[in-house]
Amino acid sequence: MARYIQRISLRPYSDSDIWAGWELEGRDGEIEGLICADGMSSEELAKFGVTEFQKIPEEYFDTGEFQPRK
């Protein structure tokens, strides 16, 4: 299991971005569009506004719904 953060744009409704934290079961290493947060401290994560991680169970990845872009 690994932790990642992801920047989400709020455009065109706002010029702001938000950051989300994901805890992905059965995954590790580099994933396109996500930044691995395993080595980041709580202070580093807080700079992005990430204080918690949403756990995504491994079975969600096996359904084929989360396929990389081609």
N, C-alpha and C. Protein backbone atom coordinates (compact mmCIF):
# COMPACT_ATOMS: atom_id res chain seq x y z
N MET A 1 0.85 -1.17 0.00
CA MET A 1 0.00 0.00 0.00
C MET A 1 0.90 1.23 0.00
N ALA A 2 0.50 2.20 -0.79
CA ALA A 2 1.28 3.44 -0.87
C ALA A 2 0.34 4.64 -0.80
N ARG A 3 0.92 5.76 -0.40
CA ARG A 3 0.16 7.01 -0.31
C ARG A 3 0.60 7.95 -1.42
N TYR A 4 -0.39 8.62 -2.00
CA TYR A 4 -0.13 9.54 -3.10
C TYR A 4 -0.92 10.82 -2.88
N ILE A 5 -0.44 11.90 -3.47
CA ILE A 5 -1.21 13.14 -3.52
C ILE A 5 -1.45 13.48 -4.98
N GLN A 6 -2.55 14.21 -5.20
CA GLN A 6 -2.94 14.56 -6.56
C GLN A 6 -3.46 15.99 -6.57
N ARG A 7 -2.98 16.78 -7.51
CA ARG A 7 -3.48 18.15 -7.69
C ARG A 7 -4.71 18.10 -8.59
N ILE A 8 -5.77 18.77 -8.14
CA ILE A 8 -7.02 18.80 -8.89
C ILE A 8 -7.34 20.26 -9.19
N SER A 9 -7.48 20.56 -10.47
CA SER A 9 -7.79 21.92 -10.91
C SER A 9 -9.28 22.19 -10.75
N LEU A 10 -9.63 23.37 -10.30
CA LEU A 10 -11.03 23.77 -10.16
C LEU A 10 -11.49 24.64 -11.33
N ARG A 11 -10.65 24.76 -12.35
CA ARG A 11 -11.00 25.55 -13.52
C ARG A 11 -12.14 24.89 -14.28
N PRO A 12 -13.02 25.59 -14.89
CA PRO A 12 -13.07 27.03 -15.12
C PRO A 12 -13.77 27.80 -14.01
N TYR A 13 -14.14 27.14 -12.94
CA TYR A 13 -14.92 27.79 -11.89
C TYR A 13 -14.07 28.63 -10.95
N SER A 14 -12.79 28.30 -10.86
CA SER A 14 -11.88 29.01 -9.97
C SER A 14 -10.47 28.88 -10.52
N ASP A 15 -9.61 29.84 -10.19
CA ASP A 15 -8.21 29.73 -10.58
C ASP A 15 -7.42 28.90 -9.58
N SER A 16 -8.08 28.40 -8.57
CA SER A 16 -7.43 27.63 -7.51
C SER A 16 -7.32 26.16 -7.87
N ASP A 17 -6.40 25.52 -7.20
CA ASP A 17 -6.24 24.07 -7.27
C ASP A 17 -6.40 23.53 -5.85
N ILE A 18 -6.83 22.28 -5.74
CA ILE A 18 -6.85 21.62 -4.44
C ILE A 18 -6.00 20.36 -4.55
N TRP A 19 -5.58 19.85 -3.42
CA TRP A 19 -4.79 18.63 -3.38
C TRP A 19 -5.57 17.58 -2.61
N ALA A 20 -5.53 16.35 -3.12
CA ALA A 20 -6.21 15.23 -2.47
C ALA A 20 -5.17 14.17 -2.12
N GLY A 21 -5.42 13.46 -1.03
CA GLY A 21 -4.54 12.37 -0.61
C GLY A 21 -5.22 11.03 -0.81
N TRP A 22 -4.52 10.10 -1.43
CA TRP A 22 -5.05 8.76 -1.71
C TRP A 22 -4.13 7.71 -1.11
N GLU A 23 -4.71 6.72 -0.47
CA GLU A 23 -3.98 5.56 0.03
C GLU A 23 -4.44 4.36 -0.81
N LEU A 24 -3.57 3.88 -1.67
CA LEU A 24 -3.95 2.87 -2.65
C LEU A 24 -3.44 1.50 -2.23
N GLU A 25 -4.36 0.61 -1.90
CA GLU A 25 -4.00 -0.76 -1.52
C GLU A 25 -3.46 -1.52 -2.73
N GLY A 26 -2.42 -2.28 -2.52
CA GLY A 26 -1.87 -3.12 -3.58
C GLY A 26 -1.08 -2.37 -4.64
N ARG A 27 -0.81 -1.11 -4.40
CA ARG A 27 -0.05 -0.31 -5.37
C ARG A 27 1.18 0.27 -4.69
N ASP A 28 2.23 0.45 -5.48
CA ASP A 28 3.41 1.17 -5.02
C ASP A 28 4.16 1.65 -6.25
N GLY A 29 5.14 2.47 -6.02
CA GLY A 29 5.91 3.00 -7.13
C GLY A 29 5.22 4.16 -7.81
N GLU A 30 5.72 4.48 -8.98
CA GLU A 30 5.26 5.66 -9.72
C GLU A 30 3.94 5.37 -10.43
N ILE A 31 3.01 6.34 -10.32
CA ILE A 31 1.73 6.28 -11.02
C ILE A 31 1.54 7.62 -11.71
N GLU A 32 1.28 7.60 -13.01
CA GLU A 32 1.13 8.83 -13.78
C GLU A 32 0.02 9.70 -13.19
N GLY A 33 0.33 10.98 -12.99
CA GLY A 33 -0.64 11.94 -12.48
C GLY A 33 -0.69 12.04 -10.97
N LEU A 34 0.03 11.16 -10.28
CA LEU A 34 0.06 11.18 -8.82
C LEU A 34 1.49 11.37 -8.34
N ILE A 35 1.63 11.94 -7.15
CA ILE A 35 2.94 12.12 -6.53
C ILE A 35 3.01 11.21 -5.32
N CYS A 36 4.00 10.35 -5.27
CA CYS A 36 4.15 9.44 -4.13
C CYS A 36 4.46 10.26 -2.88
N ALA A 37 3.67 10.04 -1.84
CA ALA A 37 3.81 10.81 -0.61
C ALA A 37 4.38 9.98 0.54
N ASP A 38 4.81 8.76 0.26
CA ASP A 38 5.31 7.89 1.33
C ASP A 38 6.47 8.50 2.09
N GLY A 39 7.33 9.23 1.41
CA GLY A 39 8.49 9.82 2.06
C GLY A 39 8.29 11.24 2.56
N MET A 40 7.07 11.75 2.45
CA MET A 40 6.80 13.13 2.85
C MET A 40 6.38 13.21 4.31
N SER A 41 6.85 14.23 4.99
CA SER A 41 6.47 14.44 6.39
C SER A 41 5.09 15.09 6.47
N SER A 42 4.51 15.06 7.66
CA SER A 42 3.21 15.71 7.89
C SER A 42 3.29 17.19 7.57
N GLU A 43 4.43 17.81 7.88
CA GLU A 43 4.61 19.23 7.60
C GLU A 43 4.63 19.50 6.10
N GLU A 44 5.32 18.65 5.34
CA GLU A 44 5.35 18.81 3.89
C GLU A 44 3.96 18.65 3.29
N LEU A 45 3.22 17.65 3.76
CA LEU A 45 1.86 17.42 3.26
C LEU A 45 0.94 18.58 3.61
N ALA A 46 1.11 19.14 4.80
CA ALA A 46 0.28 20.26 5.23
C ALA A 46 0.46 21.48 4.33
N LYS A 47 1.63 21.64 3.73
CA LYS A 47 1.85 22.75 2.80
C LYS A 47 0.93 22.65 1.59
N PHE A 48 0.55 21.43 1.25
CA PHE A 48 -0.39 21.19 0.14
C PHE A 48 -1.84 21.17 0.63
N GLY A 49 -2.02 21.23 1.94
CA GLY A 49 -3.37 21.17 2.50
C GLY A 49 -3.88 19.75 2.69
N VAL A 50 -3.00 18.77 2.57
CA VAL A 50 -3.39 17.36 2.73
C VAL A 50 -3.15 16.95 4.18
N THR A 51 -4.23 16.60 4.86
CA THR A 51 -4.13 16.17 6.26
C THR A 51 -4.61 14.74 6.46
N GLU A 52 -5.25 14.18 5.45
CA GLU A 52 -5.70 12.80 5.54
C GLU A 52 -5.71 12.17 4.15
N PHE A 53 -5.76 10.85 4.14
CA PHE A 53 -5.73 10.10 2.89
C PHE A 53 -6.97 9.23 2.79
N GLN A 54 -7.60 9.26 1.63
CA GLN A 54 -8.77 8.41 1.37
C GLN A 54 -8.27 7.04 0.93
N LYS A 55 -8.67 6.00 1.64
CA LYS A 55 -8.24 4.64 1.31
C LYS A 55 -9.07 4.10 0.15
N ILE A 56 -8.37 3.60 -0.88
CA ILE A 56 -9.02 3.00 -2.05
C ILE A 56 -8.65 1.52 -2.05
N PRO A 57 -9.62 0.63 -1.78
CA PRO A 57 -9.33 -0.80 -1.73
C PRO A 57 -8.84 -1.35 -3.07
N GLU A 58 -8.02 -2.37 -3.00
CA GLU A 58 -7.42 -2.97 -4.19
C GLU A 58 -8.46 -3.49 -5.17
N GLU A 59 -9.60 -3.98 -4.68
CA GLU A 59 -10.60 -4.55 -5.59
C GLU A 59 -11.16 -3.52 -6.57
N TYR A 60 -11.09 -2.23 -6.25
CA TYR A 60 -11.55 -1.21 -7.20
C TYR A 60 -10.67 -1.13 -8.43
N PHE A 61 -9.40 -1.46 -8.27
CA PHE A 61 -8.48 -1.41 -9.41
C PHE A 61 -8.65 -2.62 -10.32
N ASP A 62 -9.13 -3.72 -9.77
CA ASP A 62 -9.28 -4.94 -10.55
C ASP A 62 -10.53 -4.95 -11.43
N THR A 63 -11.41 -3.96 -11.29
CA THR A 63 -12.63 -3.93 -12.08
C THR A 63 -12.40 -3.41 -13.49
N GLY A 64 -11.23 -2.84 -13.74
CA GLY A 64 -10.95 -2.29 -15.05
C GLY A 64 -11.41 -0.86 -15.21
N GLU A 65 -11.98 -0.28 -14.17
CA GLU A 65 -12.46 1.10 -14.26
C GLU A 65 -11.33 2.12 -14.22
N PHE A 66 -10.21 1.75 -13.65
CA PHE A 66 -9.08 2.67 -13.52
C PHE A 66 -7.99 2.24 -14.49
N GLN A 67 -8.15 2.59 -15.74
CA GLN A 67 -7.17 2.24 -16.75
C GLN A 67 -6.34 3.47 -17.10
N PRO A 68 -5.05 3.30 -17.31
CA PRO A 68 -4.22 4.45 -17.70
C PRO A 68 -4.63 4.99 -19.06
N ARG A 69 -4.41 6.28 -19.23
CA ARG A 69 -4.70 6.91 -20.52
C ARG A 69 -3.75 6.39 -21.57
N LYS A 70 -4.24 6.33 -22.78
CA LYS A 70 -3.39 5.86 -23.89
C LYS A 70 -3.10 6.99 -24.83
